[in-house]
């Protein structure tokens, strides 16, 4: 299909839509080191005098992380040489950013169908990672049990979630407090009313290998990656465009993105379509396009902020009640999570950070007031072991409703937002990237309907909330 037709169909779609509406040289570190070396080798040519920076492209993607590189992968898979794709990221070695090692976890425990469907597709994609990406890629996807705990306050929500899972083919079972204690004696279940255990199409995987796979395949199929920092956009007056919510003869279309190379040189790329997938930096990128600082449709900001949290290892867990090899991934009602570190004799755990930035605590206060009490309450025998901080991690949080934002911006109909998915961005990246390619090529979500993630809900003040029990 002619690429101009594809682009016109996307623009038409967006306009019509609005009208109607480790003693840790461990596997993680080794993979990260290999990833950095591989990517650095690929982009060393950027510093070569023979490297030619592209001046125009069909699709420019701002952000080369999981979602940005997944989008590049899927677009090139479907269009091959039919569409030129350029990815811009200010740190292509990925050494300056924590790589979310703890987020290589796949779960289907959700209240929203769209999240369940994204997880189901991810399971299919990860199982066939060598065919989908590269035969040399080792995703290390290990199916694993997943146990969600609920207090009396959230037991009804957990029951509803369980029924939804069953309706859509996810095998799960509800467990009483007594059944949980018998099955996992190291857990304190005094304040647990109910648990939900699933054992199919969920588990752990090596997130860095997945990212490496996206990038390698994207490069192999013709995508270009540029090490640079986006600093602005150029626009073109299109006075003939009439749009609801926009004053007549004032519409400006995004045409070029400006970025600065590592050498401090300012360059521009002309594009037909732009995808913003810059994680916690997405809000700043959006401001460069006047989102949140303009009038009318441009008055609503992109509410993405960075959330940081620590990941810990637990060592020295002894006794007959210590977690064994059959220990599931455990998600507590408090937001505490725990999983085994492969076959190592230690566990990895952490706490989902608070959504409200006004409730943020200093690291030590968070550890003493939130994390440690939760750990001592749920895993009393484990909290006496050695607790060691592995690293600090971060993700992009949508402070409006804590769900991702995906789809064209209501004003900039050639700007697709793909950000704010938080801890689900990594495991759901296969389906999110595919959905972006669907929007561009088919002018609709042709596989999984992710319309509820649209930016429009911010204009309408209609949150799309994932009613998990934590």
Foldseek 3Di string as FASTA:
>chain_A
DQLVVLLVLLLVLLQVCVVVHPCDVDPLVVLLVVQLVVQCVVCVCVPPPPDDDAAAFAEEEEALFLQSLLLLLQLCVVQQVNGAYEYEYQDSSCPVADNPQVLQWQDQQFLDPLNNVLLLVLLVCLVCVCVSFNVPQFFPWDFAKEKEWFFPVCPVVSVNSVVVCVVVPFDKDKDALVRVCVVQVLWDSPRTGIMMMGGPSIGGTGLSSSSSRSNVSSVVSRYHYANWAWDAWDWDFDQVDDHPQDDHRGAIATFKIWTAHPVRDIGIYGYSFYEYAHWQCSQVHLVRVLQCPDDGLSVHGQQKHKDKWWKKKFADQDDPNGDDPNDGWYQYLLQKTKDPPHPDRIIMIIGDDDLDPVPDDPHVCCCVPRVLVVCCNTRVSRSPTDIGTDDMHMTMARSLARDWAFAARSRHSRYTYTYHHTSCCSSSSNVSSNQSSCCSRVVARPPRHPVLNHPVCSVVSNHDHTPDSD
